Amino acid sequence: MGVTTDLRSRLGMPAVRAPLPVACALSSLFADGGLPRGRTVACTGDAALSAALALSAAATRAGSWLAVVGVPQLGVGAALESGVAIERLVLAQPPTTSREWVTTVAALVEGFEVLVVAPPASLTEHDARRLQSRIVARQSVLVVVHVPVPPSVVVGSGVGHRTGSGASRVFSADLDVHANTESWSGIERGGSHITQRTVHLRVGGRRAPLSREATLDWSCLNDQPVS
């Protein structure tokens, strides 16, 4: 390991650091047992945002700072329920023009180890590659959330804040995390309080040697020890 680290240093490459921790229930989904640094993770499915928070939560409890950029659906309450240490959480809503959004995210990369982002439709592949280069250099983790575009919003119309799978896929993801809700408990028979959510996760991608899957009780994740 020492020889490899020295060689990377001589070549001007960032030294490989230990992955960011995740809850024990999630660690088996990753070859390194956690979120590999310098990588881009794409979250898709109806539980994409919940998955992004769940993947980030243990790192914040271990001391890392989390920046969430351009995700208007996310509130502090949702982050708290996901187990995120909210004293290390910053929510940012930059303008949706590509240049201003990129400038904001690029600045945040310098001080945050985890960034959860929902990019605007105007983001170009060139700007996405620039941001990913910064992520690699800083050994941070970029989590890109695929936020569905409401049917009433037409991408390219120039109206409002638009994010969606088309905008998100300008990033070249190293890992793909697909999260779908399988069942809810607590709302049957007229109940008004959700007590359990079961989510199926599948992790694959070009940096994953093989696809891994698990079905988890989402409500218990924030009580899990860190791997």
C-alpha atoms as a PDB file:
ATOM      1  CA  MET A   1       0.000   0.000   0.000  1.00  0.00           C
ATOM      2  CA  GLY A   2       2.872   2.356   0.826  1.00  0.00           C
ATOM      3  CA  VAL A   3       4.504   1.832  -2.595  1.00  0.00           C
ATOM      4  CA  THR A   4       1.175   2.382  -4.382  1.00  0.00           C
ATOM      5  CA  THR A   5       0.509   5.587  -2.437  1.00  0.00           C
ATOM      6  CA  ASP A   6       4.002   6.904  -3.196  1.00  0.00           C
ATOM      7  CA  LEU A   7       3.584   6.136  -6.924  1.00  0.00           C
ATOM      8  CA  ARG A   8       0.227   7.923  -7.051  1.00  0.00           C
ATOM      9  CA  SER A   9       1.819  10.932  -5.336  1.00  0.00           C
ATOM     10  CA  ARG A  10       4.676  11.050  -7.877  1.00  0.00           C
ATOM     11  CA  LEU A  11       2.184  10.914 -10.741  1.00  0.00           C
ATOM     12  CA  GLY A  12       0.145  13.750  -9.243  1.00  0.00           C
ATOM     13  CA  MET A  13      -2.803  11.463  -8.508  1.00  0.00           C
ATOM     14  CA  PRO A  14      -4.832  11.770  -5.275  1.00  0.00           C
ATOM     15  CA  ALA A  15      -3.997   9.197  -2.619  1.00  0.00           C
ATOM     16  CA  VAL A  16      -6.680   6.584  -2.084  1.00  0.00           C
ATOM     17  CA  ARG A  17      -8.443   7.139   1.224  1.00  0.00           C
ATOM     18  CA  ALA A  18     -10.740   4.812   3.135  1.00  0.00           C
ATOM     19  CA  PRO A  19     -14.355   4.825   1.893  1.00  0.00           C
ATOM     20  CA  LEU A  20     -16.936   6.898   3.708  1.00  0.00           C
ATOM     21  CA  PRO A  21     -18.929   4.772   6.175  1.00  0.00           C
ATOM     22  CA  VAL A  22     -22.490   3.613   5.638  1.00  0.00           C
ATOM     23  CA  ALA A  23     -24.946   1.831   7.936  1.00  0.00           C
ATOM     24  CA  CYS A  24     -24.063  -1.839   8.419  1.00  0.00           C
ATOM     25  CA  ALA A  25     -27.223  -2.904   6.585  1.00  0.00           C
ATOM     26  CA  LEU A  26     -25.935  -1.092   3.481  1.00  0.00           C
ATOM     27  CA  SER A  27     -22.248  -2.033   3.627  1.00  0.00           C
ATOM     28  CA  SER A  28     -22.683  -5.400   1.889  1.00  0.00           C
ATOM     29  CA  LEU A  29     -23.960  -3.572  -1.205  1.00  0.00           C
ATOM     30  CA  PHE A  30     -20.554  -1.971  -1.805  1.00  0.00           C
ATOM     31  CA  ALA A  31     -17.358  -3.817  -2.697  1.00  0.00           C
ATOM     32  CA  ASP A  32     -15.361  -1.590  -0.329  1.00  0.00           C
ATOM     33  CA  GLY A  33     -17.934  -1.746   2.455  1.00  0.00           C
ATOM     34  CA  GLY A  34     -18.771   1.955   2.101  1.00  0.00           C
ATOM     35  CA  LEU A  35     -18.963   4.867  -0.334  1.00  0.00           C
ATOM     36  CA  PRO A  36     -15.747   4.970  -2.385  1.00  0.00           C
ATOM     37  CA  ARG A  37     -14.175   8.414  -2.407  1.00  0.00           C
ATOM     38  CA  GLY A  38     -13.743  10.318  -5.625  1.00  0.00           C
ATOM     39  CA  ARG A  39     -16.763   8.621  -7.171  1.00  0.00           C
ATOM     40  CA  THR A  40     -20.141   9.661  -8.550  1.00  0.00           C
ATOM     41  CA  VAL A  41     -23.192   7.714  -7.390  1.00  0.00           C
ATOM     42  CA  ALA A  42     -26.482   7.963  -9.306  1.00  0.00           C
ATOM     43  CA  CYS A  43     -29.677   7.293  -7.350  1.00  0.00           C
ATOM     44  CA  THR A  44     -32.821   6.356  -9.282  1.00  0.00           C
ATOM     45  CA  GLY A  45     -36.253   4.897  -8.522  1.00  0.00           C
ATOM     46  CA  ASP A  46     -39.168   6.169  -6.464  1.00  0.00           C
ATOM     47  CA  ALA A  47     -37.003   6.101  -3.330  1.00  0.00           C
ATOM     48  CA  ALA A  48     -34.015   7.827  -4.961  1.00  0.00           C
ATOM     49  CA  LEU A  49     -33.893  10.801  -2.600  1.00  0.00           C
ATOM     50  CA  SER A  50     -34.406   8.606   0.468  1.00  0.00           C
ATOM     51  CA  ALA A  51     -31.574   6.368  -0.753  1.00  0.00           C
ATOM     52  CA  ALA A  52     -29.271   9.359  -1.221  1.00  0.00           C
ATOM     53  CA  LEU A  53     -29.907  10.502   2.348  1.00  0.00           C
ATOM     54  CA  ALA A  54     -29.522   6.990   3.752  1.00  0.00           C
ATOM     55  CA  LEU A  55     -26.187   6.558   1.996  1.00  0.00           C
ATOM     56  CA  SER A  56     -24.945   9.900   3.346  1.00  0.00           C
ATOM     57  CA  ALA A  57     -26.229   9.640   6.909  1.00  0.00           C
ATOM     58  CA  ALA A  58     -23.538   7.491   8.529  1.00  0.00           C
ATOM     59  CA  ALA A  59     -20.769   9.673   7.097  1.00  0.00           C
ATOM     60  CA  THR A  60     -22.294  12.772   8.723  1.00  0.00           C
ATOM     61  CA  ARG A  61     -22.561  10.972  12.052  1.00  0.00           C
ATOM     62  CA  ALA A  62     -18.875  10.066  11.706  1.00  0.00           C
ATOM     63  CA  GLY A  63     -17.914  13.719  11.193  1.00  0.00           C
ATOM     64  CA  SER A  64     -18.300  14.437   7.461  1.00  0.00           C
ATOM     65  CA  TRP A  65     -20.235  17.444   6.190  1.00  0.00           C
ATOM     66  CA  LEU A  66     -23.079  17.015   3.702  1.00  0.00           C
ATOM     67  CA  ALA A  67     -24.218  19.606   1.149  1.00  0.00           C
ATOM     68  CA  VAL A  68     -27.567  19.151  -0.596  1.00  0.00           C
ATOM     69  CA  VAL A  69     -27.846  21.273  -3.738  1.00  0.00           C
ATOM     70  CA  GLY A  70     -30.898  21.986  -5.837  1.00  0.00           C
ATOM     71  CA  VAL A  71     -33.299  19.566  -4.123  1.00  0.00           C
ATOM     72  CA  PRO A  72     -36.318  21.701  -3.152  1.00  0.00           C
ATOM     73  CA  GLN A  73     -38.291  18.634  -2.015  1.00  0.00           C
ATOM     74  CA  LEU A  74     -35.866  17.984   0.839  1.00  0.00           C
ATOM     75  CA  GLY A  75     -36.400  19.459   4.276  1.00  0.00           C
ATOM     76  CA  VAL A  76     -34.494  19.223   7.539  1.00  0.00           C
ATOM     77  CA  GLY A  77     -37.172  16.916   8.969  1.00  0.00           C
ATOM     78  CA  ALA A  78     -36.673  14.358   6.204  1.00  0.00           C
ATOM     79  CA  ALA A  79     -32.905  14.468   6.675  1.00  0.00           C
ATOM     80  CA  LEU A  80     -33.281  13.982  10.420  1.00  0.00           C
ATOM     81  CA  GLU A  81     -35.587  10.997   9.916  1.00  0.00           C
ATOM     82  CA  SER A  82     -32.976   9.466   7.590  1.00  0.00           C
ATOM     83  CA  GLY A  83     -30.352   9.632  10.321  1.00  0.00           C
ATOM     84  CA  VAL A  84     -28.393  12.592   8.973  1.00  0.00           C
ATOM     85  CA  ALA A  85     -26.552  14.635  11.608  1.00  0.00           C
ATOM     86  CA  ILE A  86     -28.279  17.908  10.763  1.00  0.00           C
ATOM     87  CA  GLU A  87     -25.595  19.989  12.487  1.00  0.00           C
ATOM     88  CA  ARG A  88     -23.366  18.933   9.554  1.00  0.00           C
ATOM     89  CA  LEU A  89     -25.970  19.542   6.847  1.00  0.00           C
ATOM     90  CA  VAL A  90     -26.141  22.542   4.507  1.00  0.00           C
ATOM     91  CA  LEU A  91     -29.039  23.037   2.078  1.00  0.00           C
ATOM     92  CA  ALA A  92     -28.341  25.182  -0.991  1.00  0.00           C
ATOM     93  CA  GLN A  93     -30.765  26.363  -3.680  1.00  0.00           C
ATOM     94  CA  PRO A  94     -28.621  28.120  -6.299  1.00  0.00           C
ATOM     95  CA  PRO A  95     -30.092  29.690  -9.445  1.00  0.00           C
ATOM     96  CA  THR A  96     -30.923  27.104 -12.093  1.00  0.00           C
ATOM     97  CA  THR A  97     -28.750  28.571 -14.827  1.00  0.00           C
ATOM     98  CA  SER A  98     -25.902  26.174 -15.566  1.00  0.00           C
ATOM     99  CA  ARG A  99     -23.044  28.596 -14.831  1.00  0.00           C
ATOM    100  CA  GLU A 100     -24.326  29.714 -11.408  1.00  0.00           C
ATOM    101  CA  TRP A 101     -25.287  26.176 -10.389  1.00  0.00           C
ATOM    102  CA  VAL A 102     -21.871  24.834 -11.360  1.00  0.00           C
ATOM    103  CA  THR A 103     -20.091  27.675  -9.543  1.00  0.00           C
ATOM    104  CA  THR A 104     -22.030  26.905  -6.355  1.00  0.00           C
ATOM    105  CA  VAL A 105     -21.355  23.164  -6.460  1.00  0.00           C
ATOM    106  CA  ALA A 106     -17.675  23.666  -7.343  1.00  0.00           C
ATOM    107  CA  ALA A 107     -17.246  25.901  -4.292  1.00  0.00           C
ATOM    108  CA  LEU A 108     -18.997  23.405  -2.010  1.00  0.00           C
ATOM    109  CA  VAL A 109     -16.775  20.549  -3.174  1.00  0.00           C
ATOM    110  CA  GLU A 110     -13.864  22.336  -1.480  1.00  0.00           C
ATOM    111  CA  GLY A 111     -15.410  21.983   1.975  1.00  0.00           C
ATOM    112  CA  PHE A 112     -17.791  19.028   1.910  1.00  0.00           C
ATOM    113  CA  GLU A 113     -17.054  15.323   1.715  1.00  0.00           C
ATOM    114  CA  VAL A 114     -20.535  14.377   0.482  1.00  0.00           C
ATOM    115  CA  LEU A 115     -22.707  16.279  -1.968  1.00  0.00           C
ATOM    116  CA  VAL A 116     -26.250  15.280  -2.915  1.00  0.00           C
ATOM    117  CA  VAL A 117     -27.363  17.150  -6.027  1.00  0.00           C
ATOM    118  CA  ALA A 118     -30.317  17.362  -8.424  1.00  0.00           C
ATOM    119  CA  PRO A 119     -28.882  19.190 -11.443  1.00  0.00           C
ATOM    120  CA  PRO A 120     -30.853  21.656 -13.563  1.00  0.00           C
ATOM    121  CA  ALA A 121     -31.903  20.763 -17.099  1.00  0.00           C
ATOM    122  CA  SER A 122     -29.465  23.361 -18.434  1.00  0.00           C
ATOM    123  CA  LEU A 123     -26.387  21.521 -17.123  1.00  0.00           C
ATOM    124  CA  THR A 124     -24.015  20.472 -19.916  1.00  0.00           C
ATOM    125  CA  GLU A 125     -21.857  17.346 -20.092  1.00  0.00           C
ATOM    126  CA  HIS A 126     -18.767  19.556 -20.180  1.00  0.00           C
ATOM    127  CA  ASP A 127     -19.681  21.230 -16.868  1.00  0.00           C
ATOM    128  CA  ALA A 128     -20.614  17.862 -15.350  1.00  0.00           C
ATOM    129  CA  ARG A 129     -17.181  16.467 -16.247  1.00  0.00           C
ATOM    130  CA  ARG A 130     -15.496  19.500 -14.687  1.00  0.00           C
ATOM    131  CA  LEU A 131     -17.355  18.926 -11.433  1.00  0.00           C
ATOM    132  CA  GLN A 132     -16.519  15.235 -11.429  1.00  0.00           C
ATOM    133  CA  SER A 133     -12.837  16.077 -11.898  1.00  0.00           C
ATOM    134  CA  ARG A 134     -13.034  18.206  -8.751  1.00  0.00           C
ATOM    135  CA  ILE A 135     -14.745  15.350  -6.907  1.00  0.00           C
ATOM    136  CA  VAL A 136     -11.879  13.017  -7.853  1.00  0.00           C
ATOM    137  CA  ALA A 137      -9.236  15.562  -6.833  1.00  0.00           C
ATOM    138  CA  ARG A 138     -10.874  16.282  -3.469  1.00  0.00           C
ATOM    139  CA  GLN A 139     -11.753  12.612  -2.827  1.00  0.00           C
ATOM    140  CA  SER A 140     -15.342  13.568  -2.047  1.00  0.00           C
ATOM    141  CA  VAL A 141     -18.486  11.641  -3.025  1.00  0.00           C
ATOM    142  CA  LEU A 142     -21.048  13.079  -5.439  1.00  0.00           C
ATOM    143  CA  VAL A 143     -24.557  11.610  -5.159  1.00  0.00           C
ATOM    144  CA  VAL A 144     -26.757  12.587  -8.117  1.00  0.00           C
ATOM    145  CA  VAL A 145     -30.489  12.222  -7.502  1.00  0.00           C
ATOM    146  CA  HIS A 146     -32.783  11.610 -10.453  1.00  0.00           C
ATOM    147  CA  VAL A 147     -35.779  13.770  -9.592  1.00  0.00           C
ATOM    148  CA  PRO A 148     -38.758  13.108 -11.904  1.00  0.00           C
ATOM    149  CA  VAL A 149     -39.976  16.064 -13.931  1.00  0.00           C
ATOM    150  CA  PRO A 150     -43.681  16.810 -13.254  1.00  0.00           C
ATOM    151  CA  PRO A 151     -45.817  16.076 -16.367  1.00  0.00           C
ATOM    152  CA  SER A 152     -46.969  19.701 -16.478  1.00  0.00           C
ATOM    153  CA  VAL A 153     -43.397  20.989 -16.827  1.00  0.00           C
ATOM    154  CA  VAL A 154     -41.766  20.870 -20.230  1.00  0.00           C
ATOM    155  CA  VAL A 155     -37.982  20.733 -20.096  1.00  0.00           C
ATOM    156  CA  GLY A 156     -36.522  23.536 -22.180  1.00  0.00           C
ATOM    157  CA  SER A 157     -39.524  25.823 -21.806  1.00  0.00           C
ATOM    158  CA  GLY A 158     -37.525  28.260 -19.702  1.00  0.00           C
ATOM    159  CA  VAL A 159     -40.107  28.252 -16.892  1.00  0.00           C
ATOM    160  CA  GLY A 160     -39.377  27.418 -13.270  1.00  0.00           C
ATOM    161  CA  HIS A 161     -36.882  25.034 -11.682  1.00  0.00           C
ATOM    162  CA  ARG A 162     -36.606  21.897 -13.792  1.00  0.00           C
ATOM    163  CA  THR A 163     -34.666  18.794 -12.845  1.00  0.00           C
ATOM    164  CA  GLY A 164     -35.056  15.292 -14.114  1.00  0.00           C
ATOM    165  CA  SER A 165     -33.479  12.109 -15.385  1.00  0.00           C
ATOM    166  CA  GLY A 166     -32.256  13.799 -18.573  1.00  0.00           C
ATOM    167  CA  ALA A 167     -30.397  16.491 -16.626  1.00  0.00           C
ATOM    168  CA  SER A 168     -29.064  13.998 -14.087  1.00  0.00           C
ATOM    169  CA  ARG A 169     -27.631  11.653 -16.701  1.00  0.00           C
ATOM    170  CA  VAL A 170     -25.141  14.204 -17.996  1.00  0.00           C
ATOM    171  CA  PHE A 171     -22.992  12.869 -15.157  1.00  0.00           C
ATOM    172  CA  SER A 172     -21.086   9.664 -15.892  1.00  0.00           C
ATOM    173  CA  ALA A 173     -21.918   7.592 -12.817  1.00  0.00           C
ATOM    174  CA  ASP A 174     -19.424   5.163 -11.294  1.00  0.00           C
ATOM    175  CA  LEU A 175     -22.133   3.438  -9.251  1.00  0.00           C
ATOM    176  CA  ASP A 176     -25.857   3.144  -9.941  1.00  0.00           C
ATOM    177  CA  VAL A 177     -28.191   2.765  -6.956  1.00  0.00           C
ATOM    178  CA  HIS A 178     -31.769   1.890  -7.885  1.00  0.00           C
ATOM    179  CA  ALA A 179     -34.206   2.145  -4.960  1.00  0.00           C
ATOM    180  CA  ASN A 180     -37.868   1.167  -5.193  1.00  0.00           C
ATOM    181  CA  THR A 181     -40.447   1.015  -2.422  1.00  0.00           C
ATOM    182  CA  GLU A 182     -41.906  -2.469  -2.051  1.00  0.00           C
ATOM    183  CA  SER A 183     -44.375  -1.846   0.760  1.00  0.00           C
ATOM    184  CA  TRP A 184     -45.592   0.568   3.430  1.00  0.00           C
ATOM    185  CA  SER A 185     -46.919  -0.360   6.855  1.00  0.00           C
ATOM    186  CA  GLY A 186     -49.050   1.644   9.269  1.00  0.00           C
ATOM    187  CA  ILE A 187     -51.438   3.168   6.722  1.00  0.00           C
ATOM    188  CA  GLU A 188     -53.611   0.118   6.214  1.00  0.00           C
ATOM    189  CA  ARG A 189     -57.050  -0.123   7.823  1.00  0.00           C
ATOM    190  CA  GLY A 190     -57.358   3.630   8.087  1.00  0.00           C
ATOM    191  CA  GLY A 191     -54.101   4.214   9.949  1.00  0.00           C
ATOM    192  CA  SER A 192     -52.626   7.694   9.581  1.00  0.00           C
ATOM    193  CA  HIS A 193     -49.021   7.087  10.662  1.00  0.00           C
ATOM    194  CA  ILE A 194     -46.429   5.184   8.599  1.00  0.00           C
ATOM    195  CA  THR A 195     -44.485   2.814  10.833  1.00  0.00           C
ATOM    196  CA  GLN A 196     -42.432   0.893   8.268  1.00  0.00           C
ATOM    197  CA  ARG A 197     -41.194   1.198   4.692  1.00  0.00           C
ATOM    198  CA  THR A 198     -39.596  -1.679   2.843  1.00  0.00           C
ATOM    199  CA  VAL A 199     -37.238  -0.693   0.034  1.00  0.00           C
ATOM    200  CA  HIS A 200     -35.457  -2.858  -2.522  1.00  0.00           C
ATOM    201  CA  LEU A 201     -31.970  -1.622  -3.420  1.00  0.00           C
ATOM    202  CA  ARG A 202     -29.831  -2.688  -6.356  1.00  0.00           C
ATOM    203  CA  VAL A 203     -26.251  -1.401  -6.678  1.00  0.00           C
ATOM    204  CA  GLY A 204     -24.317  -1.825  -9.928  1.00  0.00           C
ATOM    205  CA  GLY A 205     -22.507   0.280 -12.477  1.00  0.00           C
ATOM    206  CA  ARG A 206     -19.214   0.488 -14.290  1.00  0.00           C
ATOM    207  CA  ARG A 207     -17.192   0.585 -11.064  1.00  0.00           C
ATOM    208  CA  ALA A 208     -19.089  -2.298  -9.458  1.00  0.00           C
ATOM    209  CA  PRO A 209     -17.553  -5.745 -10.108  1.00  0.00           C
ATOM    210  CA  LEU A 210     -21.016  -7.269  -9.782  1.00  0.00           C
ATOM    211  CA  SER A 211     -24.566  -6.159  -9.067  1.00  0.00           C
ATOM    212  CA  ARG A 212     -25.706  -6.464  -5.446  1.00  0.00           C
ATOM    213  CA  GLU A 213     -29.241  -6.357  -4.087  1.00  0.00           C
ATOM    214  CA  ALA A 214     -30.990  -6.157  -0.729  1.00  0.00           C
ATOM    215  CA  THR A 215     -34.478  -5.545   0.615  1.00  0.00           C
ATOM    216  CA  LEU A 216     -34.367  -3.442   3.768  1.00  0.00           C
ATOM    217  CA  ASP A 217     -36.624  -2.065   6.477  1.00  0.00           C
ATOM    218  CA  TRP A 218     -36.011   1.623   5.775  1.00  0.00           C
ATOM    219  CA  SER A 219     -37.357   2.840   9.116  1.00  0.00           C
ATOM    220  CA  CYS A 220     -34.579   1.041  11.003  1.00  0.00           C
ATOM    221  CA  LEU A 221     -31.613   2.257   8.948  1.00  0.00           C
ATOM    222  CA  ASN A 222     -30.881   5.338  11.047  1.00  0.00           C
ATOM    223  CA  ASP A 223     -30.585   3.085  14.100  1.00  0.00           C
ATOM    224  CA  GLN A 224     -27.974   0.880  12.399  1.00  0.00           C
ATOM    225  CA  PRO A 225     -24.361   0.968  13.607  1.00  0.00           C
ATOM    226  CA  VAL A 226     -21.782   2.364  11.189  1.00  0.00           C
ATOM    227  CA  SER A 227     -19.762  -0.147   9.182  1.00  0.00           C
END
